[in-house]
Amino acid sequence: MDEFMQAALAEPEQGRLTGAIPVGSVLVKEGYIIGRGHNKRVQYGDPITHAEIDCLRNAGRIGNYQGTTLYSTLMPCCMCAGAVVQFGIKKVLAGESATFPGAKEFMESHDVEVVD
């Protein structure tokens, strides 16, 4: 397992003690983590704060997502996949999709390389 997926796997620990749904994500550009996040739906009472969305928010407005890779411990859902496509992120590495299949086909249909 590479260092970036390990970083994504470390993210759910941030919220575990507060009852978070255990999903984490990091955004990587040029070999550096520029954003990280974990699921905060339970803590914030916010249905939108998935790990991937939290990660993108924490990365801030970087202007150009060319060359970025999103790592997520779980295959992104339709909402998060939409953000990937909207921002032009061309590669997503998902830790697994057995417990939740996510929107792999949607991302692939928009020329996103998805590694499961």
PDB file of N, CA and C in Angstrom:
ATOM      1  N   MET A   1       0.839  -1.176   0.000  1.00  0.00           N
ATOM      2  CA  MET A   1       0.000   0.000   0.000  1.00  0.00           C
ATOM      3  C   MET A   1       0.888   1.246   0.000  1.00  0.00           C
ATOM      4  N   ASP A   2       0.534   2.214  -0.828  1.00  0.00           N
ATOM      5  CA  ASP A   2       1.392   3.398  -0.895  1.00  0.00           C
ATOM      6  C   ASP A   2       1.075   4.391   0.225  1.00  0.00           C
ATOM      7  N   GLU A   3       1.953   5.353   0.386  1.00  0.00           N
ATOM      8  CA  GLU A   3       1.859   6.305   1.493  1.00  0.00           C
ATOM      9  C   GLU A   3       0.593   7.150   1.448  1.00  0.00           C
ATOM     10  N   PHE A   4       0.066   7.412   0.254  1.00  0.00           N
ATOM     11  CA  PHE A   4      -1.115   8.259   0.155  1.00  0.00           C
ATOM     12  C   PHE A   4      -2.386   7.511   0.576  1.00  0.00           C
ATOM     13  N   MET A   5      -2.481   6.239   0.217  1.00  0.00           N
ATOM     14  CA  MET A   5      -3.629   5.463   0.699  1.00  0.00           C
ATOM     15  C   MET A   5      -3.517   5.271   2.211  1.00  0.00           C
ATOM     16  N   GLN A   6      -2.310   5.126   2.715  1.00  0.00           N
ATOM     17  CA  GLN A   6      -2.130   5.045   4.166  1.00  0.00           C
ATOM     18  C   GLN A   6      -2.610   6.326   4.842  1.00  0.00           C
ATOM     19  N   ALA A   7      -2.328   7.475   4.225  1.00  0.00           N
ATOM     20  CA  ALA A   7      -2.799   8.749   4.771  1.00  0.00           C
ATOM     21  C   ALA A   7      -4.323   8.823   4.742  1.00  0.00           C
ATOM     22  N   ALA A   8      -4.927   8.345   3.662  1.00  0.00           N
ATOM     23  CA  ALA A   8      -6.390   8.328   3.579  1.00  0.00           C
ATOM     24  C   ALA A   8      -6.976   7.413   4.652  1.00  0.00           C
ATOM     25  N   LEU A   9      -6.324   6.285   4.880  1.00  0.00           N
ATOM     26  CA  LEU A   9      -6.790   5.347   5.910  1.00  0.00           C
ATOM     27  C   LEU A   9      -6.643   5.906   7.322  1.00  0.00           C
ATOM     28  N   ALA A  10      -5.727   6.823   7.514  1.00  0.00           N
ATOM     29  CA  ALA A  10      -5.541   7.432   8.836  1.00  0.00           C
ATOM     30  C   ALA A  10      -6.629   8.459   9.137  1.00  0.00           C
ATOM     31  N   GLU A  11      -7.245   9.024   8.116  1.00  0.00           N
ATOM     32  CA  GLU A  11      -8.238  10.086   8.306  1.00  0.00           C
ATOM     33  C   GLU A  11      -9.454   9.670   9.141  1.00  0.00           C
ATOM     34  N   PRO A  12     -10.045   8.494   8.930  1.00  0.00           N
ATOM     35  CA  PRO A  12     -11.225   8.147   9.723  1.00  0.00           C
ATOM     36  C   PRO A  12     -10.969   8.114  11.231  1.00  0.00           C
ATOM     37  N   GLU A  13      -9.733   7.901  11.626  1.00  0.00           N
ATOM     38  CA  GLU A  13      -9.403   7.902  13.052  1.00  0.00           C
ATOM     39  C   GLU A  13      -9.693   9.253  13.689  1.00  0.00           C
ATOM     40  N   GLN A  14      -9.626  10.332  12.887  1.00  0.00           N
ATOM     41  CA  GLN A  14      -9.896  11.675  13.393  1.00  0.00           C
ATOM     42  C   GLN A  14     -11.318  11.795  13.929  1.00  0.00           C
ATOM     43  N   GLY A  15     -12.233  11.079  13.302  1.00  0.00           N
ATOM     44  CA  GLY A  15     -13.627  11.196  13.701  1.00  0.00           C
ATOM     45  C   GLY A  15     -14.192   9.978  14.412  1.00  0.00           C
ATOM     46  N   ARG A  16     -13.414   8.935  14.501  1.00  0.00           N
ATOM     47  CA  ARG A  16     -13.911   7.683  15.074  1.00  0.00           C
ATOM     48  C   ARG A  16     -14.494   7.871  16.465  1.00  0.00           C
ATOM     49  N   LEU A  17     -13.850   8.641  17.288  1.00  0.00           N
ATOM     50  CA  LEU A  17     -14.298   8.823  18.672  1.00  0.00           C
ATOM     51  C   LEU A  17     -15.586   9.635  18.773  1.00  0.00           C
ATOM     52  N   THR A  18     -15.945  10.322  17.713  1.00  0.00           N
ATOM     53  CA  THR A  18     -17.173  11.112  17.730  1.00  0.00           C
ATOM     54  C   THR A  18     -18.282  10.460  16.910  1.00  0.00           C
ATOM     55  N   GLY A  19     -18.113   9.199  16.581  1.00  0.00           N
ATOM     56  CA  GLY A  19     -19.161   8.449  15.892  1.00  0.00           C
ATOM     57  C   GLY A  19     -19.193   8.613  14.394  1.00  0.00           C
ATOM     58  N   ALA A  20     -18.103   9.034  13.816  1.00  0.00           N
ATOM     59  CA  ALA A  20     -18.056   9.256  12.367  1.00  0.00           C
ATOM     60  C   ALA A  20     -18.199   7.958  11.586  1.00  0.00           C
ATOM     61  N   ILE A  21     -18.741   8.090  10.395  1.00  0.00           N
ATOM     62  CA  ILE A  21     -18.740   6.981   9.448  1.00  0.00           C
ATOM     63  C   ILE A  21     -17.298   6.887   8.945  1.00  0.00           C
ATOM     64  N   PRO A  22     -16.659   5.718   9.040  1.00  0.00           N
ATOM     65  CA  PRO A  22     -15.205   5.631   8.806  1.00  0.00           C
ATOM     66  C   PRO A  22     -14.770   5.643   7.344  1.00  0.00           C
ATOM     67  N   VAL A  23     -14.705   6.839   6.789  1.00  0.00           N
ATOM     68  CA  VAL A  23     -14.223   7.020   5.417  1.00  0.00           C
ATOM     69  C   VAL A  23     -13.230   8.181   5.444  1.00  0.00           C
ATOM     70  N   GLY A  24     -12.123   8.029   4.703  1.00  0.00           N
ATOM     71  CA  GLY A  24     -11.123   9.087   4.627  1.00  0.00           C
ATOM     72  C   GLY A  24     -10.683   9.317   3.199  1.00  0.00           C
ATOM     73  N   SER A  25     -10.092  10.485   2.952  1.00  0.00           N
ATOM     74  CA  SER A  25      -9.683  10.851   1.599  1.00  0.00           C
ATOM     75  C   SER A  25      -8.521  11.830   1.650  1.00  0.00           C
ATOM     76  N   VAL A  26      -7.652  11.758   0.651  1.00  0.00           N
ATOM     77  CA  VAL A  26      -6.605  12.760   0.471  1.00  0.00           C
ATOM     78  C   VAL A  26      -6.518  13.126  -1.012  1.00  0.00           C
ATOM     79  N   LEU A  27      -6.129  14.366  -1.268  1.00  0.00           N
ATOM     80  CA  LEU A  27      -5.913  14.842  -2.624  1.00  0.00           C
ATOM     81  C   LEU A  27      -4.422  15.092  -2.790  1.00  0.00           C
ATOM     82  N   VAL A  28      -3.845  14.527  -3.836  1.00  0.00           N
ATOM     83  CA  VAL A  28      -2.396  14.584  -4.055  1.00  0.00           C
ATOM     84  C   VAL A  28      -2.099  15.305  -5.366  1.00  0.00           C
ATOM     85  N   LYS A  29      -1.095  16.185  -5.311  1.00  0.00           N
ATOM     86  CA  LYS A  29      -0.613  16.864  -6.513  1.00  0.00           C
ATOM     87  C   LYS A  29       0.904  16.920  -6.450  1.00  0.00           C
ATOM     88  N   GLU A  30       1.540  16.474  -7.507  1.00  0.00           N
ATOM     89  CA  GLU A  30       2.997  16.492  -7.627  1.00  0.00           C
ATOM     90  C   GLU A  30       3.688  15.842  -6.429  1.00  0.00           C
ATOM     91  N   GLY A  31       3.104  14.743  -5.955  1.00  0.00           N
ATOM     92  CA  GLY A  31       3.722  13.976  -4.883  1.00  0.00           C
ATOM     93  C   GLY A  31       3.493  14.496  -3.480  1.00  0.00           C
ATOM     94  N   TYR A  32       2.608  15.500  -3.335  1.00  0.00           N
ATOM     95  CA  TYR A  32       2.327  16.077  -2.022  1.00  0.00           C
ATOM     96  C   TYR A  32       0.827  16.038  -1.731  1.00  0.00           C
ATOM     97  N   ILE A  33       0.485  15.800  -0.496  1.00  0.00           N
ATOM     98  CA  ILE A  33      -0.906  15.874  -0.082  1.00  0.00           C
ATOM     99  C   ILE A  33      -1.266  17.356   0.055  1.00  0.00           C
ATOM    100  N   ILE A  34      -2.270  17.779  -0.707  1.00  0.00           N
ATOM    101  CA  ILE A  34      -2.688  19.183  -0.653  1.00  0.00           C
ATOM    102  C   ILE A  34      -4.039  19.338   0.043  1.00  0.00           C
ATOM    103  N   GLY A  35      -4.696  18.226   0.323  1.00  0.00           N
ATOM    104  CA  GLY A  35      -5.962  18.259   1.043  1.00  0.00           C
ATOM    105  C   GLY A  35      -6.219  16.909   1.663  1.00  0.00           C
ATOM    106  N   ARG A  36      -6.873  16.925   2.803  1.00  0.00           N
ATOM    107  CA  ARG A  36      -7.255  15.671   3.450  1.00  0.00           C
ATOM    108  C   ARG A  36      -8.584  15.887   4.148  1.00  0.00           C
ATOM    109  N   GLY A  37      -9.325  14.801   4.290  1.00  0.00           N
ATOM    110  CA  GLY A  37     -10.619  14.930   4.946  1.00  0.00           C
ATOM    111  C   GLY A  37     -11.173  13.589   5.362  1.00  0.00           C
ATOM    112  N   HIS A  38     -12.180  13.664   6.194  1.00  0.00           N
ATOM    113  CA  HIS A  38     -12.885  12.458   6.612  1.00  0.00           C
ATOM    114  C   HIS A  38     -14.366  12.780   6.730  1.00  0.00           C
ATOM    115  N   ASN A  39     -15.161  11.744   6.755  1.00  0.00           N
ATOM    116  CA  ASN A  39     -16.600  11.887   6.800  1.00  0.00           C
ATOM    117  C   ASN A  39     -17.007  12.599   8.083  1.00  0.00           C
ATOM    118  N   LYS A  40     -17.823  13.649   7.941  1.00  0.00           N
ATOM    119  CA  LYS A  40     -18.291  14.420   9.093  1.00  0.00           C
ATOM    120  C   LYS A  40     -19.810  14.566   9.095  1.00  0.00           C
ATOM    121  N   ARG A  41     -20.487  13.663   8.416  1.00  0.00           N
ATOM    122  CA  ARG A  41     -21.945  13.747   8.320  1.00  0.00           C
ATOM    123  C   ARG A  41     -22.598  13.665   9.686  1.00  0.00           C
ATOM    124  N   VAL A  42     -22.128  12.755  10.524  1.00  0.00           N
ATOM    125  CA  VAL A  42     -22.724  12.559  11.852  1.00  0.00           C
ATOM    126  C   VAL A  42     -22.391  13.742  12.758  1.00  0.00           C
ATOM    127  N   GLN A  43     -21.116  14.099  12.826  1.00  0.00           N
ATOM    128  CA  GLN A  43     -20.687  15.163  13.731  1.00  0.00           C
ATOM    129  C   GLN A  43     -21.342  16.497  13.415  1.00  0.00           C
ATOM    130  N   TYR A  44     -21.474  16.834  12.133  1.00  0.00           N
ATOM    131  CA  TYR A  44     -22.002  18.129  11.732  1.00  0.00           C
ATOM    132  C   TYR A  44     -23.503  18.094  11.440  1.00  0.00           C
ATOM    133  N   GLY A  45     -24.085  16.892  11.427  1.00  0.00           N
ATOM    134  CA  GLY A  45     -25.492  16.787  11.044  1.00  0.00           C
ATOM    135  C   GLY A  45     -25.700  17.273   9.616  1.00  0.00           C
ATOM    136  N   ASP A  46     -24.701  17.036   8.781  1.00  0.00           N
ATOM    137  CA  ASP A  46     -24.651  17.577   7.427  1.00  0.00           C
ATOM    138  C   ASP A  46     -24.542  16.422   6.425  1.00  0.00           C
ATOM    139  N   PRO A  47     -25.553  16.202   5.611  1.00  0.00           N
ATOM    140  CA  PRO A  47     -25.507  15.083   4.681  1.00  0.00           C
ATOM    141  C   PRO A  47     -24.486  15.241   3.555  1.00  0.00           C
ATOM    142  N   ILE A  48     -23.923  16.419   3.393  1.00  0.00           N
ATOM    143  CA  ILE A  48     -22.992  16.699   2.293  1.00  0.00           C
ATOM    144  C   ILE A  48     -21.531  16.447   2.662  1.00  0.00           C
ATOM    145  N   THR A  49     -21.192  16.440   3.929  1.00  0.00           N
ATOM    146  CA  THR A  49     -19.782  16.389   4.320  1.00  0.00           C
ATOM    147  C   THR A  49     -19.235  14.960   4.282  1.00  0.00           C
ATOM    148  N   HIS A  50     -19.168  14.425   3.068  1.00  0.00           N
ATOM    149  CA  HIS A  50     -18.503  13.137   2.846  1.00  0.00           C
ATOM    150  C   HIS A  50     -16.995  13.376   2.902  1.00  0.00           C
ATOM    151  N   ALA A  51     -16.225  12.327   3.058  1.00  0.00           N
ATOM    152  CA  ALA A  51     -14.770  12.453   3.168  1.00  0.00           C
ATOM    153  C   ALA A  51     -14.172  13.180   1.965  1.00  0.00           C
ATOM    154  N   GLU A  52     -14.630  12.837   0.772  1.00  0.00           N
ATOM    155  CA  GLU A  52     -14.073  13.449  -0.435  1.00  0.00           C
ATOM    156  C   GLU A  52     -14.389  14.941  -0.497  1.00  0.00           C
ATOM    157  N   ILE A  53     -15.606  15.314  -0.116  1.00  0.00           N
ATOM    158  CA  ILE A  53     -16.000  16.725  -0.120  1.00  0.00           C
ATOM    159  C   ILE A  53     -15.209  17.489   0.939  1.00  0.00           C
ATOM    160  N   ASP A  54     -15.048  16.891   2.122  1.00  0.00           N
ATOM    161  CA  ASP A  54     -14.246  17.508   3.177  1.00  0.00           C
ATOM    162  C   ASP A  54     -12.813  17.705   2.698  1.00  0.00           C
ATOM    163  N   CYS A  55     -12.271  16.722   2.024  1.00  0.00           N
ATOM    164  CA  CYS A  55     -10.916  16.793   1.483  1.00  0.00           C
ATOM    165  C   CYS A  55     -10.788  17.935   0.475  1.00  0.00           C
ATOM    166  N   LEU A  56     -11.735  18.036  -0.448  1.00  0.00           N
ATOM    167  CA  LEU A  56     -11.689  19.101  -1.456  1.00  0.00           C
ATOM    168  C   LEU A  56     -11.836  20.475  -0.812  1.00  0.00           C
ATOM    169  N   ARG A  57     -12.706  20.579   0.177  1.00  0.00           N
ATOM    170  CA  ARG A  57     -12.840  21.853   0.904  1.00  0.00           C
ATOM    171  C   ARG A  57     -11.526  22.228   1.572  1.00  0.00           C
ATOM    172  N   ASN A  58     -10.888  21.257   2.193  1.00  0.00           N
ATOM    173  CA  ASN A  58      -9.638  21.528   2.903  1.00  0.00           C
ATOM    174  C   ASN A  58      -8.483  21.841   1.959  1.00  0.00           C
ATOM    175  N   ALA A  59      -8.565  21.358   0.731  1.00  0.00           N
ATOM    176  CA  ALA A  59      -7.538  21.699  -0.265  1.00  0.00           C
ATOM    177  C   ALA A  59      -7.675  23.161  -0.681  1.00  0.00           C
ATOM    178  N   GLY A  60      -8.873  23.693  -0.583  1.00  0.00           N
ATOM    179  CA  GLY A  60      -9.107  25.087  -0.954  1.00  0.00           C
ATOM    180  C   GLY A  60      -9.212  25.261  -2.459  1.00  0.00           C
ATOM    181  N   ARG A  61      -9.289  26.472  -2.863  1.00  0.00           N
ATOM    182  CA  ARG A  61      -9.399  26.779  -4.291  1.00  0.00           C
ATOM    183  C   ARG A  61      -8.007  26.746  -4.904  1.00  0.00           C
ATOM    184  N   ILE A  62      -7.691  25.642  -5.523  1.00  0.00           N
ATOM    185  CA  ILE A  62      -6.356  25.512  -6.107  1.00  0.00           C
ATOM    186  C   ILE A  62      -6.330  25.949  -7.567  1.00  0.00           C
ATOM    187  N   GLY A  63      -7.494  26.255  -8.108  1.00  0.00           N
ATOM    188  CA  GLY A  63      -7.573  26.771  -9.469  1.00  0.00           C
ATOM    189  C   GLY A  63      -7.569  25.702 -10.537  1.00  0.00           C
ATOM    190  N   ASN A  64      -6.580  24.849 -10.516  1.00  0.00           N
ATOM    191  CA  ASN A  64      -6.432  23.839 -11.556  1.00  0.00           C
ATOM    192  C   ASN A  64      -6.150  22.492 -10.908  1.00  0.00           C
ATOM    193  N   TYR A  65      -7.011  21.546 -11.174  1.00  0.00           N
ATOM    194  CA  TYR A  65      -6.863  20.211 -10.584  1.00  0.00           C
ATOM    195  C   TYR A  65      -6.127  19.249 -11.514  1.00  0.00           C
ATOM    196  N   GLN A  66      -5.579  19.769 -12.609  1.00  0.00           N
ATOM    197  CA  GLN A  66      -4.836  18.932 -13.533  1.00  0.00           C
ATOM    198  C   GLN A  66      -3.663  18.294 -12.788  1.00  0.00           C
ATOM    199  N   GLY A  67      -3.498  17.002 -12.967  1.00  0.00           N
ATOM    200  CA  GLY A  67      -2.394  16.289 -12.328  1.00  0.00           C
ATOM    201  C   GLY A  67      -2.666  15.868 -10.894  1.00  0.00           C
ATOM    202  N   THR A  68      -3.896  16.088 -10.414  1.00  0.00           N
ATOM    203  CA  THR A  68      -4.207  15.646  -9.057  1.00  0.00           C
ATOM    204  C   THR A  68      -4.767  14.234  -9.073  1.00  0.00           C
ATOM    205  N   THR A  69      -4.621  13.557  -7.951  1.00  0.00           N
ATOM    206  CA  THR A  69      -5.186  12.228  -7.750  1.00  0.00           C
ATOM    207  C   THR A  69      -5.924  12.240  -6.425  1.00  0.00           C
ATOM    208  N   LEU A  70      -7.144  11.728  -6.444  1.00  0.00           N
ATOM    209  CA  LEU A  70      -7.927  11.623  -5.227  1.00  0.00           C
ATOM    210  C   LEU A  70      -7.855  10.188  -4.722  1.00  0.00           C
ATOM    211  N   TYR A  71      -7.453  10.040  -3.472  1.00  0.00           N
ATOM    212  CA  TYR A  71      -7.441   8.747  -2.800  1.00  0.00           C
ATOM    213  C   TYR A  71      -8.607   8.722  -1.832  1.00  0.00           C
ATOM    214  N   SER A  72      -9.387   7.659  -1.866  1.00  0.00           N
ATOM    215  CA  SER A  72     -10.502   7.518  -0.933  1.00  0.00           C
ATOM    216  C   SER A  72     -10.535   6.089  -0.426  1.00  0.00           C
ATOM    217  N   THR A  73     -10.871   5.928   0.838  1.00  0.00           N
ATOM    218  CA  THR A  73     -10.908   4.584   1.401  1.00  0.00           C
ATOM    219  C   THR A  73     -12.101   3.795   0.900  1.00  0.00           C
ATOM    220  N   LEU A  74     -13.088   4.471   0.342  1.00  0.00           N
ATOM    221  CA  LEU A  74     -14.292   3.844  -0.186  1.00  0.00           C
ATOM    222  C   LEU A  74     -14.581   4.442  -1.560  1.00  0.00           C
ATOM    223  N   MET A  75     -15.125   3.636  -2.462  1.00  0.00           N
ATOM    224  CA  MET A  75     -15.458   4.145  -3.794  1.00  0.00           C
ATOM    225  C   MET A  75     -16.385   5.353  -3.662  1.00  0.00           C
ATOM    226  N   PRO A  76     -16.050   6.490  -4.290  1.00  0.00           N
ATOM    227  CA  PRO A  76     -16.887   7.682  -4.176  1.00  0.00           C
ATOM    228  C   PRO A  76     -18.326   7.449  -4.650  1.00  0.00           C
ATOM    229  N   CYS A  77     -19.262   8.088  -3.941  1.00  0.00           N
ATOM    230  CA  CYS A  77     -20.681   8.029  -4.292  1.00  0.00           C
ATOM    231  C   CYS A  77     -20.945   8.931  -5.509  1.00  0.00           C
ATOM    232  N   CYS A  78     -22.182   8.992  -5.927  1.00  0.00           N
ATOM    233  CA  CYS A  78     -22.541   9.827  -7.085  1.00  0.00           C
ATOM    234  C   CYS A  78     -22.217  11.302  -6.855  1.00  0.00           C
ATOM    235  N   MET A  79     -22.501  11.815  -5.651  1.00  0.00           N
ATOM    236  CA  MET A  79     -22.217  13.220  -5.362  1.00  0.00           C
ATOM    237  C   MET A  79     -20.720  13.502  -5.442  1.00  0.00           C
ATOM    238  N   CYS A  80     -19.926  12.667  -4.797  1.00  0.00           N
ATOM    239  CA  CYS A  80     -18.471  12.872  -4.776  1.00  0.00           C
ATOM    240  C   CYS A  80     -17.870  12.628  -6.156  1.00  0.00           C
ATOM    241  N   ALA A  81     -18.408  11.656  -6.876  1.00  0.00           N
ATOM    242  CA  ALA A  81     -17.961  11.412  -8.252  1.00  0.00           C
ATOM    243  C   ALA A  81     -18.266  12.618  -9.123  1.00  0.00           C
ATOM    244  N   GLY A  82     -19.401  13.262  -8.885  1.00  0.00           N
ATOM    245  CA  GLY A  82     -19.740  14.485  -9.615  1.00  0.00           C
ATOM    246  C   GLY A  82     -18.737  15.591  -9.359  1.00  0.00           C
ATOM    247  N   ALA A  83     -18.282  15.707  -8.107  1.00  0.00           N
ATOM    248  CA  ALA A  83     -17.259  16.707  -7.776  1.00  0.00           C
ATOM    249  C   ALA A  83     -15.951  16.380  -8.482  1.00  0.00           C
ATOM    250  N   VAL A  84     -15.599  15.110  -8.538  1.00  0.00           N
ATOM    251  CA  VAL A  84     -14.382  14.683  -9.237  1.00  0.00           C
ATOM    252  C   VAL A  84     -14.450  15.114 -10.698  1.00  0.00           C
ATOM    253  N   VAL A  85     -15.567  14.830 -11.340  1.00  0.00           N
ATOM    254  CA  VAL A  85     -15.737  15.188 -12.749  1.00  0.00           C
ATOM    255  C   VAL A  85     -15.762  16.711 -12.907  1.00  0.00           C
ATOM    256  N   GLN A  86     -16.514  17.402 -12.062  1.00  0.00           N
ATOM    257  CA  GLN A  86     -16.633  18.867 -12.147  1.00  0.00           C
ATOM    258  C   GLN A  86     -15.275  19.558 -12.034  1.00  0.00           C
ATOM    259  N   PHE A  87     -14.432  19.068 -11.136  1.00  0.00           N
ATOM    260  CA  PHE A  87     -13.131  19.691 -10.907  1.00  0.00           C
ATOM    261  C   PHE A  87     -12.052  19.196 -11.870  1.00  0.00           C
ATOM    262  N   GLY A  88     -12.365  18.217 -12.681  1.00  0.00           N
ATOM    263  CA  GLY A  88     -11.397  17.730 -13.662  1.00  0.00           C
ATOM    264  C   GLY A  88     -10.317  16.844 -13.074  1.00  0.00           C
ATOM    265  N   ILE A  89     -10.600  16.211 -11.957  1.00  0.00           N
ATOM    266  CA  ILE A  89      -9.656  15.245 -11.371  1.00  0.00           C
ATOM    267  C   ILE A  89      -9.685  14.006 -12.255  1.00  0.00           C
ATOM    268  N   LYS A  90      -8.547  13.577 -12.740  1.00  0.00           N
ATOM    269  CA  LYS A  90      -8.510  12.514 -13.737  1.00  0.00           C
ATOM    270  C   LYS A  90      -8.131  11.142 -13.197  1.00  0.00           C
ATOM    271  N   LYS A  91      -7.835  11.055 -11.894  1.00  0.00           N
ATOM    272  CA  LYS A  91      -7.488   9.745 -11.341  1.00  0.00           C
ATOM    273  C   LYS A  91      -8.014   9.640  -9.914  1.00  0.00           C
ATOM    274  N   VAL A  92      -8.664   8.511  -9.639  1.00  0.00           N
ATOM    275  CA  VAL A  92      -9.192   8.214  -8.311  1.00  0.00           C
ATOM    276  C   VAL A  92      -8.731   6.818  -7.918  1.00  0.00           C
ATOM    277  N   LEU A  93      -8.167   6.707  -6.739  1.00  0.00           N
ATOM    278  CA  LEU A  93      -7.815   5.404  -6.186  1.00  0.00           C
ATOM    279  C   LEU A  93      -8.735   5.146  -5.001  1.00  0.00           C
ATOM    280  N   ALA A  94      -9.487   4.059  -5.079  1.00  0.00           N
ATOM    281  CA  ALA A  94     -10.443   3.710  -4.024  1.00  0.00           C
ATOM    282  C   ALA A  94      -9.937   2.486  -3.275  1.00  0.00           C
ATOM    283  N   GLY A  95     -10.028   2.553  -1.959  1.00  0.00           N
ATOM    284  CA  GLY A  95      -9.576   1.441  -1.124  1.00  0.00           C
ATOM    285  C   GLY A  95     -10.403   0.188  -1.318  1.00  0.00           C
ATOM    286  N   GLU A  96     -11.701   0.373  -1.517  1.00  0.00           N
ATOM    287  CA  GLU A  96     -12.563  -0.786  -1.747  1.00  0.00           C
ATOM    288  C   GLU A  96     -13.923  -0.347  -2.248  1.00  0.00           C
ATOM    289  N   SER A  97     -14.627  -1.298  -2.861  1.00  0.00           N
ATOM    290  CA  SER A  97     -15.983  -1.030  -3.343  1.00  0.00           C
ATOM    291  C   SER A  97     -16.921  -2.194  -3.046  1.00  0.00           C
ATOM    292  N   ALA A  98     -16.484  -3.128  -2.214  1.00  0.00           N
ATOM    293  CA  ALA A  98     -17.324  -4.285  -1.892  1.00  0.00           C
ATOM    294  C   ALA A  98     -18.493  -3.891  -0.986  1.00  0.00           C
ATOM    295  N   THR A  99     -18.250  -3.025  -0.012  1.00  0.00           N
ATOM    296  CA  THR A  99     -19.325  -2.634   0.903  1.00  0.00           C
ATOM    297  C   THR A  99     -20.213  -1.561   0.308  1.00  0.00           C
ATOM    298  N   PHE A 100     -19.684  -0.799  -0.637  1.00  0.00           N
ATOM    299  CA  PHE A 100     -20.447   0.240  -1.328  1.00  0.00           C
ATOM    300  C   PHE A 100     -19.866   0.396  -2.726  1.00  0.00           C
ATOM    301  N   PRO A 101     -20.645   0.080  -3.765  1.00  0.00           N
ATOM    302  CA  PRO A 101     -20.084   0.095  -5.122  1.00  0.00           C
ATOM    303  C   PRO A 101     -19.793   1.482  -5.665  1.00  0.00           C
ATOM    304  N   GLY A 102     -20.452   2.509  -5.148  1.00  0.00           N
ATOM    305  CA  GLY A 102     -20.169   3.873  -5.577  1.00  0.00           C
ATOM    306  C   GLY A 102     -20.506   4.136  -7.031  1.00  0.00           C
ATOM    307  N   ALA A 103     -19.835   5.115  -7.602  1.00  0.00           N
ATOM    308  CA  ALA A 103     -20.141   5.594  -8.951  1.00  0.00           C
ATOM    309  C   ALA A 103     -18.945   5.439  -9.889  1.00  0.00           C
ATOM    310  N   LYS A 104     -18.319   4.289  -9.841  1.00  0.00           N
ATOM    311  CA  LYS A 104     -17.145   4.019 -10.669  1.00  0.00           C
ATOM    312  C   LYS A 104     -17.442   4.210 -12.150  1.00  0.00           C
ATOM    313  N   GLU A 105     -18.540   3.650 -12.619  1.00  0.00           N
ATOM    314  CA  GLU A 105     -18.870   3.732 -14.044  1.00  0.00           C
ATOM    315  C   GLU A 105     -19.100   5.174 -14.485  1.00  0.00           C
ATOM    316  N   PHE A 106     -19.722   5.963 -13.633  1.00  0.00           N
ATOM    317  CA  PHE A 106     -19.946   7.380 -13.958  1.00  0.00           C
ATOM    318  C   PHE A 106     -18.611   8.092 -14.166  1.00  0.00           C
ATOM    319  N   MET A 107     -17.688   7.891 -13.230  1.00  0.00           N
ATOM    320  CA  MET A 107     -16.381   8.552 -13.370  1.00  0.00           C
ATOM    321  C   MET A 107     -15.668   8.071 -14.619  1.00  0.00           C
ATOM    322  N   GLU A 108     -15.673   6.768 -14.845  1.00  0.00           N
ATOM    323  CA  GLU A 108     -14.995   6.228 -16.029  1.00  0.00           C
ATOM    324  C   GLU A 108     -15.612   6.760 -17.322  1.00  0.00           C
ATOM    325  N   SER A 109     -16.930   6.966 -17.319  1.00  0.00           N
ATOM    326  CA  SER A 109     -17.598   7.492 -18.520  1.00  0.00           C
ATOM    327  C   SER A 109     -17.210   8.944 -18.791  1.00  0.00           C
ATOM    328  N   HIS A 110     -16.568   9.581 -17.801  1.00  0.00           N
ATOM    329  CA  HIS A 110     -16.085  10.960 -17.965  1.00  0.00           C
ATOM    330  C   HIS A 110     -14.547  10.992 -17.976  1.00  0.00           C
ATOM    331  N   ASP A 111     -13.965   9.902 -18.442  1.00  0.00           N
ATOM    332  CA  ASP A 111     -12.515   9.799 -18.645  1.00  0.00           C
ATOM    333  C   ASP A 111     -11.685   9.928 -17.382  1.00  0.00           C
ATOM    334  N   VAL A 112     -12.252   9.507 -16.265  1.00  0.00           N
ATOM    335  CA  VAL A 112     -11.496   9.441 -15.014  1.00  0.00           C
ATOM    336  C   VAL A 112     -10.960   8.016 -14.882  1.00  0.00           C
ATOM    337  N   GLU A 113      -9.675   7.891 -14.626  1.00  0.00           N
ATOM    338  CA  GLU A 113      -9.088   6.581 -14.370  1.00  0.00           C
ATOM    339  C   GLU A 113      -9.428   6.207 -12.934  1.00  0.00           C
ATOM    340  N   VAL A 114     -10.098   5.087 -12.760  1.00  0.00           N
ATOM    341  CA  VAL A 114     -10.491   4.640 -11.423  1.00  0.00           C
ATOM    342  C   VAL A 114      -9.788   3.336 -11.113  1.00  0.00           C
ATOM    343  N   VAL A 115      -9.045   3.324 -10.016  1.00  0.00           N
ATOM    344  CA  VAL A 115      -8.344   2.121  -9.557  1.00  0.00           C
ATOM    345  C   VAL A 115      -9.029   1.689  -8.282  1.00  0.00           C
ATOM    346  N   ASP A 116      -9.547   0.474  -8.302  1.00  0.00           N
ATOM    347  CA  ASP A 116     -10.279  -0.067  -7.156  1.00  0.00           C
ATOM    348  C   ASP A 116      -9.388  -1.078  -6.457  1.00  0.00           C
TER     349      ASP A 116
END
